[in-house]
PDB file of all heavy atoms in Angstrom:
ATOM      1  N   GLY A   1     167.071 184.529-102.214  1.00  0.00           N
ATOM      2  CA  GLY A   1     168.556 184.253-101.932  1.00  0.00           C
ATOM      3  C   GLY A   1     169.206 183.416-103.031  1.00  0.00           C
ATOM      4  O   GLY A   1     170.335 183.044-102.842  1.00  0.00           O
ATOM      5  N   GLU A   2     168.510 183.219-104.175  1.00  0.00           N
ATOM      6  CA  GLU A   2     169.128 182.414-105.274  1.00  0.00           C
ATOM      7  C   GLU A   2     169.225 183.281-106.531  1.00  0.00           C
ATOM      8  O   GLU A   2     168.313 184.011-106.875  1.00  0.00           O
ATOM      9  CB  GLU A   2     168.322 181.173-105.517  1.00  0.00           C
ATOM     10  CG  GLU A   2     168.295 180.252-104.322  1.00  0.00           C
ATOM     11  CD  GLU A   2     167.751 178.837-104.676  1.00  0.00           C
ATOM     12  OE1 GLU A   2     168.344 178.141-105.503  1.00  0.00           O
ATOM     13  OE2 GLU A   2     166.696 178.472-104.152  1.00  0.00           O
ATOM     14  N   ASN A   3     170.325 183.060-107.269  1.00  0.00           N
ATOM     15  CA  ASN A   3     170.536 183.775-108.521  1.00  0.00           C
ATOM     16  C   ASN A   3     169.749 183.034-109.591  1.00  0.00           C
ATOM     17  O   ASN A   3     170.148 181.961-110.077  1.00  0.00           O
ATOM     18  CB  ASN A   3     172.003 183.763-108.855  1.00  0.00           C
ATOM     19  CG  ASN A   3     172.318 184.579-110.118  1.00  0.00           C
ATOM     20  OD1 ASN A   3     171.444 185.043-110.817  1.00  0.00           O
ATOM     21  ND2 ASN A   3     173.590 184.905-110.320  1.00  0.00           N
ATOM     22  N   VAL A   4     168.602 183.555-109.971  1.00  0.00           N
ATOM     23  CA  VAL A   4     167.594 182.872-110.775  1.00  0.00           C
ATOM     24  C   VAL A   4     168.193 182.269-112.097  1.00  0.00           C
ATOM     25  O   VAL A   4     167.988 181.061-112.358  1.00  0.00           O
ATOM     26  CB  VAL A   4     166.376 183.726-111.140  1.00  0.00           C
ATOM     27  CG1 VAL A   4     165.441 183.032-112.084  1.00  0.00           C
ATOM     28  CG2 VAL A   4     165.642 184.118-109.858  1.00  0.00           C
ATOM     29  N   TYR A   5     168.873 183.057-112.811  1.00  0.00           N
ATOM     30  CA  TYR A   5     169.363 182.629-114.156  1.00  0.00           C
ATOM     31  C   TYR A   5     170.683 181.929-114.139  1.00  0.00           C
ATOM     32  O   TYR A   5     171.168 181.560-115.138  1.00  0.00           O
ATOM     33  CB  TYR A   5     169.339 183.797-115.125  1.00  0.00           C
ATOM     34  CG  TYR A   5     167.991 184.309-115.377  1.00  0.00           C
ATOM     35  CD1 TYR A   5     167.473 185.447-114.776  1.00  0.00           C
ATOM     36  CD2 TYR A   5     167.106 183.582-116.217  1.00  0.00           C
ATOM     37  CE1 TYR A   5     166.160 185.859-115.026  1.00  0.00           C
ATOM     38  CE2 TYR A   5     165.852 184.057-116.491  1.00  0.00           C
ATOM     39  CZ  TYR A   5     165.332 185.214-115.839  1.00  0.00           C
ATOM     40  OH  TYR A   5     164.073 185.597-116.101  1.00  0.00           O
ATOM     41  N   ALA A   6     171.214 181.717-112.908  1.00  0.00           N
ATOM     42  CA  ALA A   6     172.394 180.833-112.812  1.00  0.00           C
ATOM     43  C   ALA A   6     171.941 179.411-112.529  1.00  0.00           C
ATOM     44  O   ALA A   6     172.783 178.472-112.493  1.00  0.00           O
ATOM     45  CB  ALA A   6     173.276 181.266-111.639  1.00  0.00           C
ATOM     46  N   LEU A   7     170.629 179.195-112.393  1.00  0.00           N
ATOM     47  CA  LEU A   7     170.114 177.845-112.104  1.00  0.00           C
ATOM     48  C   LEU A   7     169.780 177.159-113.387  1.00  0.00           C
ATOM     49  O   LEU A   7     169.570 177.790-114.469  1.00  0.00           O
ATOM     50  CB  LEU A   7     168.824 178.001-111.242  1.00  0.00           C
ATOM     51  CG  LEU A   7     168.942 178.710-109.909  1.00  0.00           C
ATOM     52  CD1 LEU A   7     167.513 178.893-109.323  1.00  0.00           C
ATOM     53  CD2 LEU A   7     169.852 178.018-108.957  1.00  0.00           C
ATOM     54  N   SER A   8     169.614 175.839-113.367  1.00  0.00           N
ATOM     55  CA  SER A   8     169.149 175.112-114.464  1.00  0.00           C
ATOM     56  C   SER A   8     167.695 175.426-114.691  1.00  0.00           C
ATOM     57  O   SER A   8     166.994 175.961-113.833  1.00  0.00           O
ATOM     58  CB  SER A   8     169.277 173.583-114.244  1.00  0.00           C
ATOM     59  OG  SER A   8     168.367 173.183-113.200  1.00  0.00           O
ATOM     60  N   ALA A   9     167.175 175.135-115.919  1.00  0.00           N
ATOM     61  CA  ALA A   9     165.801 175.421-116.199  1.00  0.00           C
ATOM     62  C   ALA A   9     164.881 174.702-115.317  1.00  0.00           C
ATOM     63  O   ALA A   9     163.848 175.281-114.883  1.00  0.00           O
ATOM     64  CB  ALA A   9     165.498 175.047-117.692  1.00  0.00           C
ATOM     65  N   ALA A  10     165.164 173.449-114.959  1.00  0.00           N
ATOM     66  CA  ALA A  10     164.312 172.753-114.071  1.00  0.00           C
ATOM     67  C   ALA A  10     164.292 173.363-112.618  1.00  0.00           C
ATOM     68  O   ALA A  10     163.220 173.491-112.027  1.00  0.00           O
ATOM     69  CB  ALA A  10     164.743 171.304-114.008  1.00  0.00           C
ATOM     70  N   ARG A  11     165.455 173.742-112.135  1.00  0.00           N
ATOM     71  CA  ARG A  11     165.538 174.304-110.806  1.00  0.00           C
ATOM     72  C   ARG A  11     164.864 175.643-110.797  1.00  0.00           C
ATOM     73  O   ARG A  11     164.247 176.026-109.812  1.00  0.00           O
ATOM     74  CB  ARG A  11     167.042 174.435-110.410  1.00  0.00           C
ATOM     75  CG  ARG A  11     167.206 175.027-109.056  1.00  0.00           C
ATOM     76  CD  ARG A  11     166.803 174.051-107.969  1.00  0.00           C
ATOM     77  NE  ARG A  11     166.903 174.642-106.620  1.00  0.00           N
ATOM     78  CZ  ARG A  11     165.867 175.323-106.048  1.00  0.00           C
ATOM     79  NH1 ARG A  11     164.745 175.434-106.686  1.00  0.00           N
ATOM     80  NH2 ARG A  11     166.038 175.886-104.933  1.00  0.00           N
ATOM     81  N   ARG A  12     165.028 176.407-111.876  1.00  0.00           N
ATOM     82  CA  ARG A  12     164.371 177.752-111.980  1.00  0.00           C
ATOM     83  C   ARG A  12     162.873 177.572-111.938  1.00  0.00           C
ATOM     84  O   ARG A  12     162.216 178.393-111.279  1.00  0.00           O
ATOM     85  CB  ARG A  12     164.798 178.436-113.271  1.00  0.00           C
ATOM     86  CG  ARG A  12     164.346 179.857-113.388  1.00  0.00           C
ATOM     87  CD  ARG A  12     165.229 180.625-114.399  1.00  0.00           C
ATOM     88  NE  ARG A  12     165.142 180.110-115.739  1.00  0.00           N
ATOM     89  CZ  ARG A  12     166.113 179.567-116.414  1.00  0.00           C
ATOM     90  NH1 ARG A  12     167.325 179.464-115.924  1.00  0.00           N
ATOM     91  NH2 ARG A  12     165.932 179.112-117.654  1.00  0.00           N
ATOM     92  N   ALA A  13     162.284 176.586-112.626  1.00  0.00           N
ATOM     93  CA  ALA A  13     160.903 176.357-112.583  1.00  0.00           C
ATOM     94  C   ALA A  13     160.411 176.000-111.201  1.00  0.00           C
ATOM     95  O   ALA A  13     159.366 176.464-110.723  1.00  0.00           O
ATOM     96  CB  ALA A  13     160.518 175.259-113.597  1.00  0.00           C
ATOM     97  N   GLN A  14     161.198 175.241-110.452  1.00  0.00           N
ATOM     98  CA  GLN A  14     160.841 174.891-109.081  1.00  0.00           C
ATOM     99  C   GLN A  14     160.804 176.146-108.205  1.00  0.00           C
ATOM    100  O   GLN A  14     159.925 176.313-107.331  1.00  0.00           O
ATOM    101  CB  GLN A  14     161.849 173.879-108.500  1.00  0.00           C
ATOM    102  CG  GLN A  14     161.744 172.535-109.102  1.00  0.00           C
ATOM    103  CD  GLN A  14     162.801 171.577-108.545  1.00  0.00           C
ATOM    104  OE1 GLN A  14     163.768 172.011-107.863  1.00  0.00           O
ATOM    105  NE2 GLN A  14     162.736 170.317-108.876  1.00  0.00           N
ATOM    106  N   LEU A  15     161.799 177.062-108.389  1.00  0.00           N
ATOM    107  CA  LEU A  15     161.836 178.225-107.600  1.00  0.00           C
ATOM    108  C   LEU A  15     160.664 179.153-107.923  1.00  0.00           C
ATOM    109  O   LEU A  15     160.091 179.768-106.981  1.00  0.00           O
ATOM    110  CB  LEU A  15     163.166 178.979-107.915  1.00  0.00           C
ATOM    111  CG  LEU A  15     163.450 180.269-107.101  1.00  0.00           C
ATOM    112  CD1 LEU A  15     163.685 179.923-105.649  1.00  0.00           C
ATOM    113  CD2 LEU A  15     164.702 180.996-107.671  1.00  0.00           C
ATOM    114  N   ARG A  16     160.249 179.259-109.178  1.00  0.00           N
ATOM    115  CA  ARG A  16     159.105 180.062-109.508  1.00  0.00           C
ATOM    116  C   ARG A  16     157.868 179.537-108.841  1.00  0.00           C
ATOM    117  O   ARG A  16     157.072 180.274-108.309  1.00  0.00           O
ATOM    118  CB  ARG A  16     158.914 180.025-111.052  1.00  0.00           C
ATOM    119  CG  ARG A  16     159.833 180.857-111.881  1.00  0.00           C
ATOM    120  CD  ARG A  16     159.236 181.162-113.253  1.00  0.00           C
ATOM    121  NE  ARG A  16     158.909 179.934-113.934  1.00  0.00           N
ATOM    122  CZ  ARG A  16     159.692 179.315-114.785  1.00  0.00           C
ATOM    123  NH1 ARG A  16     160.954 179.810-115.047  1.00  0.00           N
ATOM    124  NH2 ARG A  16     159.303 178.195-115.435  1.00  0.00           N
ATOM    125  N   GLY A  17     157.695 178.220-108.908  1.00  0.00           N
ATOM    126  CA  GLY A  17     156.543 177.622-108.301  1.00  0.00           C
ATOM    127  C   GLY A  17     156.443 177.821-106.819  1.00  0.00           C
ATOM    128  O   GLY A  17     155.397 177.976-106.227  1.00  0.00           O
ATOM    129  N   ARG A  18     157.611 177.865-106.168  1.00  0.00           N
ATOM    130  CA  ARG A  18     157.658 178.015-104.725  1.00  0.00           C
ATOM    131  C   ARG A  18     157.492 179.459-104.239  1.00  0.00           C
ATOM    132  O   ARG A  18     156.860 179.735-103.222  1.00  0.00           O
ATOM    133  CB  ARG A  18     158.989 177.441-104.188  1.00  0.00           C
ATOM    134  CG  ARG A  18     159.091 177.357-102.619  1.00  0.00           C
ATOM    135  CD  ARG A  18     160.481 176.927-102.215  1.00  0.00           C
ATOM    136  NE  ARG A  18     161.415 177.992-102.393  1.00  0.00           N
ATOM    137  CZ  ARG A  18     162.683 177.796-102.824  1.00  0.00           C
ATOM    138  NH1 ARG A  18     163.124 176.544-103.072  1.00  0.00           N
ATOM    139  NH2 ARG A  18     163.547 178.787-102.937  1.00  0.00           N
ATOM    140  N   GLU A  19     158.093 180.361-104.974  1.00  0.00           N
ATOM    141  CA  GLU A  19     158.156 181.766-104.496  1.00  0.00           C
ATOM    142  C   GLU A  19     157.225 182.752-105.148  1.00  0.00           C
ATOM    143  O   GLU A  19     156.948 183.803-104.629  1.00  0.00           O
ATOM    144  CB  GLU A  19     159.607 182.263-104.670  1.00  0.00           C
ATOM    145  CG  GLU A  19     160.710 181.405-103.996  1.00  0.00           C
ATOM    146  CD  GLU A  19     160.726 181.577-102.517  1.00  0.00           C
ATOM    147  OE1 GLU A  19     159.889 182.324-101.985  1.00  0.00           O
ATOM    148  OE2 GLU A  19     161.591 180.993-101.857  1.00  0.00           O
ATOM    149  N   LEU A  20     156.724 182.441-106.356  1.00  0.00           N
ATOM    150  CA  LEU A  20     156.050 183.435-107.184  1.00  0.00           C
ATOM    151  C   LEU A  20     154.576 183.047-107.479  1.00  0.00           C
ATOM    152  O   LEU A  20     154.255 181.896-107.655  1.00  0.00           O
ATOM    153  CB  LEU A  20     156.732 183.636-108.547  1.00  0.00           C
ATOM    154  CG  LEU A  20     158.155 184.191-108.478  1.00  0.00           C
ATOM    155  CD1 LEU A  20     158.756 184.250-109.897  1.00  0.00           C
ATOM    156  CD2 LEU A  20     158.196 185.555-107.862  1.00  0.00           C
ATOM    157  N   GLY A  21     153.705 184.070-107.496  1.00  0.00           N
ATOM    158  CA  GLY A  21     152.384 183.951-108.003  1.00  0.00           C
ATOM    159  C   GLY A  21     152.181 184.892-109.159  1.00  0.00           C
ATOM    160  O   GLY A  21     152.741 186.110-109.114  1.00  0.00           O
ATOM    161  N   PHE A  22     151.496 184.517-110.167  1.00  0.00           N
ATOM    162  CA  PHE A  22     151.352 185.351-111.371  1.00  0.00           C
ATOM    163  C   PHE A  22     149.886 185.747-111.638  1.00  0.00           C
ATOM    164  O   PHE A  22     149.022 184.884-111.530  1.00  0.00           O
ATOM    165  CB  PHE A  22     151.871 184.597-112.613  1.00  0.00           C
ATOM    166  CG  PHE A  22     153.382 184.430-112.585  1.00  0.00           C
ATOM    167  CD1 PHE A  22     153.912 183.213-112.043  1.00  0.00           C
ATOM    168  CD2 PHE A  22     154.235 185.337-113.109  1.00  0.00           C
ATOM    169  CE1 PHE A  22     155.266 182.995-112.044  1.00  0.00           C
ATOM    170  CE2 PHE A  22     155.613 185.135-113.087  1.00  0.00           C
ATOM    171  CZ  PHE A  22     156.112 183.917-112.518  1.00  0.00           C
ATOM    172  N   MET A  23     149.637 186.972-112.000  1.00  0.00           N
ATOM    173  CA  MET A  23     148.317 187.455-112.472  1.00  0.00           C
ATOM    174  C   MET A  23     148.536 188.262-113.730  1.00  0.00           C
ATOM    175  O   MET A  23     149.428 189.045-113.750  1.00  0.00           O
ATOM    176  CB  MET A  23     147.627 188.267-111.413  1.00  0.00           C
ATOM    177  CG  MET A  23     147.012 187.467-110.261  1.00  0.00           C
ATOM    178  SD  MET A  23     145.728 188.429-109.455  1.00  0.00           S
ATOM    179  CE  MET A  23     144.479 188.577-110.775  1.00  0.00           C
ATOM    180  N   PHE A  24     147.630 188.013-114.770  1.00  0.00           N
ATOM    181  CA  PHE A  24     147.772 188.737-115.964  1.00  0.00           C
ATOM    182  C   PHE A  24     146.430 189.360-116.279  1.00  0.00           C
ATOM    183  O   PHE A  24     145.433 189.043-115.748  1.00  0.00           O
ATOM    184  CB  PHE A  24     148.187 187.747-117.100  1.00  0.00           C
ATOM    185  CG  PHE A  24     149.475 187.074-116.777  1.00  0.00           C
ATOM    186  CD1 PHE A  24     149.481 185.758-116.297  1.00  0.00           C
ATOM    187  CD2 PHE A  24     150.690 187.661-116.948  1.00  0.00           C
ATOM    188  CE1 PHE A  24     150.641 185.116-116.033  1.00  0.00           C
ATOM    189  CE2 PHE A  24     151.883 187.055-116.655  1.00  0.00           C
ATOM    190  CZ  PHE A  24     151.856 185.746-116.156  1.00  0.00           C
ATOM    191  N   GLN A  25     146.453 190.184-117.358  1.00  0.00           N
ATOM    192  CA  GLN A  25     145.190 190.910-117.698  1.00  0.00           C
ATOM    193  C   GLN A  25     144.133 189.843-118.149  1.00  0.00           C
ATOM    194  O   GLN A  25     142.957 189.990-117.813  1.00  0.00           O
ATOM    195  CB  GLN A  25     145.419 191.891-118.798  1.00  0.00           C
ATOM    196  CG  GLN A  25     144.136 192.631-119.229  1.00  0.00           C
ATOM    197  CD  GLN A  25     144.400 193.737-120.224  1.00  0.00           C
ATOM    198  OE1 GLN A  25     145.585 193.999-120.520  1.00  0.00           O
ATOM    199  NE2 GLN A  25     143.385 194.346-120.698  1.00  0.00           N
ATOM    200  N   PHE A  26     144.568 188.870-118.918  1.00  0.00           N
ATOM    201  CA  PHE A  26     143.641 187.804-119.324  1.00  0.00           C
ATOM    202  C   PHE A  26     143.907 186.584-118.389  1.00  0.00           C
ATOM    203  O   PHE A  26     144.963 186.280-117.994  1.00  0.00           O
ATOM    204  CB  PHE A  26     143.882 187.413-120.778  1.00  0.00           C
ATOM    205  CG  PHE A  26     143.600 188.579-121.692  1.00  0.00           C
ATOM    206  CD1 PHE A  26     144.654 189.313-122.206  1.00  0.00           C
ATOM    207  CD2 PHE A  26     142.279 188.953-122.041  1.00  0.00           C
ATOM    208  CE1 PHE A  26     144.391 190.382-123.126  1.00  0.00           C
ATOM    209  CE2 PHE A  26     142.055 190.002-122.863  1.00  0.00           C
ATOM    210  CZ  PHE A  26     143.076 190.686-123.413  1.00  0.00           C
ATOM    211  N   HIS A  27     142.801 185.968-118.014  1.00  0.00           N
ATOM    212  CA  HIS A  27     142.892 184.966-116.977  1.00  0.00           C
ATOM    213  C   HIS A  27     143.792 183.825-117.297  1.00  0.00           C
ATOM    214  O   HIS A  27     144.462 183.219-116.460  1.00  0.00           O
ATOM    215  CB  HIS A  27     141.449 184.393-116.664  1.00  0.00           C
ATOM    216  CG  HIS A  27     140.734 183.996-117.923  1.00  0.00           C
ATOM    217  ND1 HIS A  27     140.969 182.835-118.584  1.00  0.00           N
ATOM    218  CD2 HIS A  27     139.688 184.630-118.572  1.00  0.00           C
ATOM    219  CE1 HIS A  27     140.183 182.778-119.626  1.00  0.00           C
ATOM    220  NE2 HIS A  27     139.329 183.831-119.639  1.00  0.00           N
ATOM    221  N   GLY A  28     143.924 183.430-118.580  1.00  0.00           N
ATOM    222  CA  GLY A  28     144.842 182.377-119.053  1.00  0.00           C
ATOM    223  C   GLY A  28     144.516 180.990-118.428  1.00  0.00           C
ATOM    224  O   GLY A  28     145.449 180.215-118.231  1.00  0.00           O
ATOM    225  N   LEU A  29     143.271 180.733-118.227  1.00  0.00           N
ATOM    226  CA  LEU A  29     142.937 179.377-117.711  1.00  0.00           C
ATOM    227  C   LEU A  29     143.091 178.331-118.798  1.00  0.00           C
ATOM    228  O   LEU A  29     142.774 178.633-120.039  1.00  0.00           O
ATOM    229  CB  LEU A  29     141.455 179.385-117.183  1.00  0.00           C
ATOM    230  CG  LEU A  29     141.157 180.396-116.055  1.00  0.00           C
ATOM    231  CD1 LEU A  29     139.673 180.250-115.642  1.00  0.00           C
ATOM    232  CD2 LEU A  29     142.094 180.168-114.914  1.00  0.00           C
ATOM    233  N   HIS A  30     143.460 177.197-118.429  1.00  0.00           N
ATOM    234  CA  HIS A  30     143.601 176.087-119.452  1.00  0.00           C
ATOM    235  C   HIS A  30     142.180 175.617-119.855  1.00  0.00           C
ATOM    236  O   HIS A  30     141.350 175.212-118.987  1.00  0.00           O
ATOM    237  CB  HIS A  30     144.341 174.923-118.817  1.00  0.00           C
ATOM    238  CG  HIS A  30     144.874 173.894-119.863  1.00  0.00           C
ATOM    239  ND1 HIS A  30     143.993 173.106-120.546  1.00  0.00           N
ATOM    240  CD2 HIS A  30     146.079 173.631-120.317  1.00  0.00           C
ATOM    241  CE1 HIS A  30     144.671 172.362-121.408  1.00  0.00           C
ATOM    242  NE2 HIS A  30     145.944 172.674-121.239  1.00  0.00           N
ATOM    243  N   PRO A  31     141.886 175.666-121.140  1.00  0.00           N
ATOM    244  CA  PRO A  31     140.505 175.379-121.567  1.00  0.00           C
ATOM    245  C   PRO A  31     140.024 174.019-121.331  1.00  0.00           C
ATOM    246  O   PRO A  31     138.797 173.760-121.267  1.00  0.00           O
ATOM    247  CB  PRO A  31     140.502 175.697-123.096  1.00  0.00           C
ATOM    248  CG  PRO A  31     141.940 175.508-123.460  1.00  0.00           C
ATOM    249  CD  PRO A  31     142.755 175.944-122.287  1.00  0.00           C
ATOM    250  N   ASN A  32     140.903 172.988-121.106  1.00  0.00           N
ATOM    251  CA  ASN A  32     140.467 171.647-120.932  1.00  0.00           C
ATOM    252  C   ASN A  32     140.540 171.188-119.471  1.00  0.00           C
ATOM    253  O   ASN A  32     140.433 170.013-119.155  1.00  0.00           O
ATOM    254  CB  ASN A  32     141.385 170.711-121.756  1.00  0.00           C
ATOM    255  CG  ASN A  32     141.204 170.980-123.270  1.00  0.00           C
ATOM    256  OD1 ASN A  32     140.167 171.248-123.719  1.00  0.00           O
ATOM    257  ND2 ASN A  32     142.282 170.933-124.001  1.00  0.00           N
ATOM    258  N   LEU A  33     140.810 172.145-118.536  1.00  0.00           N
ATOM    259  CA  LEU A  33     140.802 171.820-117.145  1.00  0.00           C
ATOM    260  C   LEU A  33     139.630 172.461-116.468  1.00  0.00           C
ATOM    261  O   LEU A  33     139.211 173.556-116.821  1.00  0.00           O
ATOM    262  CB  LEU A  33     142.105 172.287-116.468  1.00  0.00           C
ATOM    263  CG  LEU A  33     143.400 171.664-116.955  1.00  0.00           C
ATOM    264  CD1 LEU A  33     144.615 172.262-116.186  1.00  0.00           C
ATOM    265  CD2 LEU A  33     143.415 170.166-116.794  1.00  0.00           C
TER     266      LEU A  33
END
């Protein structure tokens, strides 16, 4: 219900974290975690 690119960068990041899950071909794990 929100226009993603009308939001600030910080608000857009919050929306991504709340609504989206990402999977890619390469696992992309942080090497130091």
